[in-house]
N, C-alpha and C. Protein backbone atom coordinates (compact mmCIF):
# COMPACT_ATOMS: atom_id res chain seq x y z
N MET A 1 136.78 111.81 112.22
CA MET A 1 136.00 111.59 113.71
C MET A 1 134.28 111.37 113.19
N ILE A 2 133.57 111.85 112.23
CA ILE A 2 132.30 111.47 111.82
C ILE A 2 132.31 110.55 110.78
N GLU A 3 131.90 109.47 110.98
CA GLU A 3 131.77 108.15 110.19
C GLU A 3 130.68 108.47 109.15
N ARG A 4 129.34 108.77 109.38
CA ARG A 4 128.72 108.78 108.32
C ARG A 4 127.10 109.50 109.13
N ILE A 5 126.14 109.46 108.55
CA ILE A 5 124.97 109.94 109.41
C ILE A 5 124.03 108.15 109.45
N ASN A 6 124.01 107.92 110.95
CA ASN A 6 123.52 106.45 111.04
C ASN A 6 122.15 106.61 110.62
N ASN A 7 120.96 107.35 111.12
CA ASN A 7 119.90 107.24 110.76
C ASN A 7 118.90 109.06 111.40
N ILE A 8 117.88 109.18 110.77
CA ILE A 8 117.30 110.16 111.12
C ILE A 8 115.66 110.02 111.15
N THR A 9 115.03 110.50 111.96
CA THR A 9 114.07 110.03 113.00
C THR A 9 113.04 111.29 112.56
N PHE A 10 111.83 111.08 111.88
CA PHE A 10 110.95 112.26 111.81
C PHE A 10 109.73 111.91 112.77
N PRO A 11 109.57 112.90 113.05
CA PRO A 11 107.96 112.90 113.92
C PRO A 11 106.97 112.83 112.91
N VAL A 12 105.95 111.74 113.44
CA VAL A 12 104.76 111.85 112.54
C VAL A 12 103.76 111.74 113.34
N LYS A 13 102.18 112.07 112.49
CA LYS A 13 100.98 112.29 113.63
C LYS A 13 100.45 111.03 113.47
N ASP A 14 100.65 110.08 112.25
CA ASP A 14 99.72 108.76 112.51
C ASP A 14 100.83 107.61 111.74
N LEU A 15 101.15 106.84 112.71
CA LEU A 15 102.20 105.49 112.30
C LEU A 15 101.85 104.92 111.00
N LYS A 16 100.60 104.61 110.78
CA LYS A 16 100.43 103.85 109.99
C LYS A 16 100.31 104.29 108.88
N ARG A 17 99.75 105.64 108.96
CA ARG A 17 99.53 106.35 107.70
C ARG A 17 101.15 106.41 106.92
N ALA A 18 101.64 106.99 108.05
CA ALA A 18 103.27 107.27 107.52
C ALA A 18 104.01 105.98 107.11
N VAL A 19 103.99 104.89 107.76
CA VAL A 19 104.46 103.60 107.35
C VAL A 19 103.63 103.35 105.67
N ASN A 20 102.58 103.41 105.84
CA ASN A 20 102.09 103.20 104.18
C ASN A 20 102.60 104.31 103.42
N PHE A 21 102.80 105.22 103.20
CA PHE A 21 103.65 106.30 102.18
C PHE A 21 104.95 105.79 102.26
N TYR A 22 105.79 105.72 103.35
CA TYR A 22 107.10 105.53 102.99
C TYR A 22 107.38 103.81 102.58
N GLU A 23 106.40 103.26 102.53
CA GLU A 23 106.61 101.68 101.94
C GLU A 23 106.12 101.52 100.94
N ASN A 24 104.66 102.28 100.70
CA ASN A 24 104.07 101.72 99.31
C ASN A 24 104.16 102.76 98.58
N VAL A 25 104.22 104.20 99.28
CA VAL A 25 104.33 105.45 97.75
C VAL A 25 105.51 105.50 97.35
N LEU A 26 106.90 105.44 98.24
CA LEU A 26 108.47 105.94 98.27
C LEU A 26 108.76 104.25 98.15
N GLY A 27 108.50 103.20 98.23
CA GLY A 27 108.89 102.07 97.93
C GLY A 27 110.31 101.52 98.53
N LEU A 28 110.26 101.97 99.94
CA LEU A 28 111.45 101.87 100.75
C LEU A 28 111.41 100.51 101.66
N LYS A 29 111.95 99.93 101.71
CA LYS A 29 111.94 98.84 102.53
C LYS A 29 111.89 98.68 103.99
N LYS A 30 110.94 98.37 104.36
CA LYS A 30 110.69 98.43 106.00
C LYS A 30 111.96 97.29 106.59
N THR A 31 112.42 97.96 107.82
CA THR A 31 113.33 97.00 108.67
C THR A 31 112.85 96.55 109.93
N ASP A 32 112.02 97.16 110.37
CA ASP A 32 111.59 96.97 111.71
C ASP A 32 109.95 97.61 111.93
N GLU A 33 109.19 97.12 112.69
CA GLU A 33 107.86 98.18 113.02
C GLU A 33 107.41 97.71 114.45
N TRP A 34 107.41 98.60 115.18
CA TRP A 34 106.94 98.52 116.57
C TRP A 34 105.52 99.33 116.97
N PRO A 35 104.44 99.12 117.81
CA PRO A 35 103.55 99.61 117.86
C PRO A 35 103.82 101.58 118.26
N ASN A 36 105.16 101.96 118.45
CA ASN A 36 105.36 103.11 118.57
C ASN A 36 106.64 103.71 117.89
N TYR A 37 107.11 102.82 116.57
CA TYR A 37 108.13 103.24 115.79
C TYR A 37 108.51 102.05 114.97
N ALA A 38 108.77 102.81 113.94
CA ALA A 38 109.11 101.98 112.53
C ALA A 38 110.30 102.54 111.45
N THR A 39 111.06 101.43 111.20
CA THR A 39 112.30 102.11 110.55
C THR A 39 112.19 101.33 109.06
N PHE A 40 113.23 102.23 108.26
CA PHE A 40 113.07 102.09 107.02
C PHE A 40 114.75 102.01 106.50
N ASP A 41 115.16 101.19 105.62
CA ASP A 41 116.49 101.31 104.97
C ASP A 41 116.42 102.02 103.72
N VAL A 42 117.20 103.12 103.76
CA VAL A 42 117.63 104.10 102.32
C VAL A 42 118.79 104.16 102.10
N GLY A 43 119.42 103.26 101.27
CA GLY A 43 120.87 103.36 101.05
C GLY A 43 121.93 103.00 102.18
N GLY A 44 121.42 102.26 103.37
CA GLY A 44 122.15 102.16 104.27
C GLY A 44 122.29 103.45 105.54
N VAL A 45 121.13 104.19 105.25
CA VAL A 45 121.11 104.96 106.33
C VAL A 45 119.31 104.65 106.55
N GLU A 46 119.48 104.81 107.82
CA GLU A 46 118.03 104.33 108.63
C GLU A 46 116.98 105.49 108.80
N ILE A 47 115.75 105.52 108.39
CA ILE A 47 114.63 106.40 108.51
C ILE A 47 114.02 105.85 109.93
N GLY A 48 113.71 106.72 110.63
CA GLY A 48 113.03 106.10 111.79
C GLY A 48 111.54 107.10 111.81
N LEU A 49 110.52 106.40 112.26
CA LEU A 49 109.20 107.49 112.51
C LEU A 49 108.97 107.46 113.56
N ASP A 50 108.33 108.23 114.47
CA ASP A 50 107.84 108.17 115.30
C ASP A 50 106.95 109.03 116.06
N PRO A 51 105.80 108.53 116.52
CA PRO A 51 104.43 108.85 116.46
C PRO A 51 104.08 109.90 117.84
N ASP A 52 105.10 109.92 118.78
CA ASP A 52 104.87 110.66 120.02
C ASP A 52 104.62 112.03 119.87
N PRO A 53 103.94 112.86 120.34
CA PRO A 53 103.47 113.89 120.21
C PRO A 53 104.45 114.94 120.58
N LYS A 54 105.97 114.66 121.52
CA LYS A 54 106.61 115.23 121.88
C LYS A 54 107.69 115.02 120.73
N ALA A 55 107.92 114.30 119.99
CA ALA A 55 109.19 114.00 118.87
C ALA A 55 109.48 115.00 118.36
N GLU A 56 110.84 115.22 118.05
CA GLU A 56 111.60 115.92 117.42
C GLU A 56 112.01 115.47 116.02
N LEU A 57 112.42 116.11 115.07
CA LEU A 57 113.61 115.61 114.14
C LEU A 57 115.00 115.78 114.84
N GLN A 58 115.13 114.20 114.63
CA GLN A 58 116.52 113.85 115.23
C GLN A 58 117.55 113.19 113.93
N ILE A 59 119.04 114.02 114.01
CA ILE A 59 119.60 113.62 112.91
C ILE A 59 120.95 112.83 113.97
N PHE A 60 121.05 111.49 113.74
CA PHE A 60 122.34 110.85 114.84
C PHE A 60 123.16 110.28 113.80
N ILE A 61 124.40 111.13 114.36
CA ILE A 61 125.68 111.09 113.37
C ILE A 61 126.46 110.12 114.08
N ARG A 62 126.83 109.11 113.23
CA ARG A 62 127.63 108.09 113.57
C ARG A 62 129.33 108.18 114.03
N VAL A 63 130.06 107.90 115.14
CA VAL A 63 131.05 108.17 115.22
C VAL A 63 131.84 107.10 116.11
N ASP A 64 133.13 106.88 116.04
CA ASP A 64 133.59 105.75 116.76
C ASP A 64 133.91 106.04 118.03
N ASP A 65 133.59 106.90 118.62
CA ASP A 65 133.67 107.02 120.09
C ASP A 65 133.06 108.19 120.36
N VAL A 66 131.91 108.48 121.10
CA VAL A 66 131.15 109.34 121.54
C VAL A 66 131.86 110.56 122.67
N ASP A 67 132.58 109.74 123.67
CA ASP A 67 133.38 110.42 124.56
C ASP A 67 134.62 111.76 123.86
N LYS A 68 135.36 110.75 122.70
CA LYS A 68 136.42 111.42 122.29
C LYS A 68 135.44 112.71 121.43
N ALA A 69 134.52 112.35 120.81
CA ALA A 69 133.95 113.36 119.88
C ALA A 69 133.68 114.35 120.59
N TYR A 70 132.99 114.16 121.74
CA TYR A 70 132.41 115.22 122.77
C TYR A 70 133.50 116.32 122.99
N SER A 71 134.39 115.50 123.45
CA SER A 71 135.60 116.34 123.92
C SER A 71 136.33 117.19 123.13
N ASN A 72 136.34 116.89 121.61
CA ASN A 72 136.73 117.66 120.44
C ASN A 72 136.23 118.51 120.17
N PHE A 73 134.95 118.00 119.97
CA PHE A 73 134.05 119.25 119.55
C PHE A 73 133.49 120.38 120.61
N LYS A 74 133.44 119.77 121.71
CA LYS A 74 133.28 121.03 122.89
C LYS A 74 134.66 121.86 122.90
N GLU A 75 135.99 121.45 122.72
CA GLU A 75 136.83 122.38 122.74
C GLU A 75 136.80 123.23 121.70
N LYS A 76 136.20 122.95 120.63
CA LYS A 76 136.17 123.65 119.05
C LYS A 76 135.02 124.65 119.31
N GLY A 77 134.16 124.46 120.56
CA GLY A 77 132.89 125.21 120.74
C GLY A 77 131.75 125.00 120.40
N ALA A 78 131.31 123.85 120.12
CA ALA A 78 130.18 123.06 119.81
C ALA A 78 129.65 123.20 121.34
N LYS A 79 128.03 123.81 121.25
CA LYS A 79 127.12 123.82 122.54
C LYS A 79 126.87 122.63 122.56
N PHE A 80 126.87 121.66 123.64
CA PHE A 80 126.14 120.42 123.68
C PHE A 80 125.23 120.77 124.72
N LEU A 81 124.00 119.50 124.42
CA LEU A 81 122.47 119.96 125.12
C LEU A 81 122.84 118.73 126.40
N THR A 82 123.38 117.67 125.90
CA THR A 82 123.48 116.46 127.20
C THR A 82 125.10 116.13 126.98
N GLU A 83 125.48 115.89 127.90
CA GLU A 83 126.95 115.04 127.91
C GLU A 83 126.83 113.69 127.36
N PRO A 84 127.81 112.87 127.34
CA PRO A 84 127.64 111.33 126.83
C PRO A 84 126.97 110.67 127.72
N LYS A 85 125.92 109.74 127.41
CA LYS A 85 125.39 108.76 128.27
C LYS A 85 125.23 107.58 127.16
N ASP A 86 124.87 106.21 128.22
CA ASP A 86 124.43 105.20 127.76
C ASP A 86 123.14 104.83 127.59
N GLN A 87 122.48 104.85 126.68
CA GLN A 87 121.23 104.23 126.22
C GLN A 87 120.83 102.65 126.35
N TYR A 88 119.39 102.61 126.79
CA TYR A 88 119.12 101.12 126.99
C TYR A 88 119.13 100.53 125.94
N TRP A 89 119.25 101.01 124.52
CA TRP A 89 119.11 100.12 123.24
C TRP A 89 120.34 99.90 122.85
N GLY A 90 121.24 100.02 123.38
CA GLY A 90 122.75 99.97 123.45
C GLY A 90 124.11 100.72 122.70
N GLY A 91 123.16 102.08 122.43
CA GLY A 91 124.36 103.28 122.10
C GLY A 91 124.69 103.86 123.48
N ARG A 92 125.46 105.00 122.70
CA ARG A 92 125.93 105.85 123.66
C ARG A 92 125.74 107.10 123.35
N THR A 93 125.05 107.94 123.78
CA THR A 93 124.83 109.21 122.84
C THR A 93 125.25 110.78 123.17
N ALA A 94 125.48 111.54 122.88
CA ALA A 94 125.59 113.13 123.23
C ALA A 94 124.95 114.21 122.71
N VAL A 95 124.14 115.23 122.64
CA VAL A 95 123.05 115.99 122.04
C VAL A 95 123.79 117.44 121.71
N PHE A 96 124.05 118.05 120.50
CA PHE A 96 124.40 119.07 120.53
C PHE A 96 123.87 119.93 119.39
N ALA A 97 123.97 121.13 119.43
CA ALA A 97 123.11 122.08 118.74
C ALA A 97 123.93 122.97 117.65
N ASP A 98 123.76 123.19 116.18
CA ASP A 98 124.96 123.73 115.66
C ASP A 98 124.33 125.17 115.93
N PRO A 99 124.79 126.30 115.05
CA PRO A 99 124.42 127.74 115.59
C PRO A 99 123.14 128.07 115.19
N ASP A 100 122.33 127.61 114.68
CA ASP A 100 120.61 127.91 114.16
C ASP A 100 119.84 126.96 115.21
N GLY A 101 120.38 126.39 116.07
CA GLY A 101 119.46 125.56 116.89
C GLY A 101 119.17 124.11 116.25
N ASN A 102 119.92 123.73 115.26
CA ASN A 102 119.42 122.37 114.86
C ASN A 102 120.29 120.96 115.81
N LYS A 103 119.46 120.46 116.26
CA LYS A 103 120.04 119.35 117.10
C LYS A 103 120.61 118.04 116.58
N PHE A 104 121.73 117.69 116.51
CA PHE A 104 121.94 116.53 116.22
C PHE A 104 122.41 115.31 117.66
N ILE A 105 122.74 114.33 117.51
CA ILE A 105 122.65 113.26 118.26
C ILE A 105 124.16 112.51 117.82
N LEU A 106 125.40 112.51 118.56
CA LEU A 106 126.63 111.89 118.37
C LEU A 106 125.93 110.43 118.87
N VAL A 107 126.55 109.09 118.48
CA VAL A 107 125.67 107.88 118.47
C VAL A 107 127.40 107.18 118.26
N SER A 108 127.47 106.32 119.32
CA SER A 108 128.69 105.30 118.76
C SER A 108 128.03 104.01 119.69
N PHE A 109 128.57 102.58 119.37
CA PHE A 109 128.10 101.23 119.82
C PHE A 109 129.48 100.85 120.22
N LYS A 110 129.02 99.83 121.32
CA LYS A 110 130.30 99.09 121.70
C LYS A 110 130.85 98.02 120.74
N LYS A 111 132.06 97.94 120.77
CA LYS A 111 132.72 96.95 119.74
C LYS A 111 132.83 95.55 120.30
């Protein structure tokens, strides 16, 4: 059911400073950058940098079908914080937390 980690988004205080670190210190390939977000490829997993002061660490887990995974995991006792919903950027997501409160986002994309 889980295919892979799709992306991990880190909250950052200063986007330009963070981009410089990931690009020039770590040597990662920047794949996109906007005024409010930047992405890097790390062996097929995308790392995102989000300077929004309200940003949180986000781990997106790619699944074939968010609705099926939501039902399956919920039946087994997963605590969901959101129900499946379509996102403006083309994905479909649902957020759950593990027993320690770590948040994960299930994500799938229309084929």
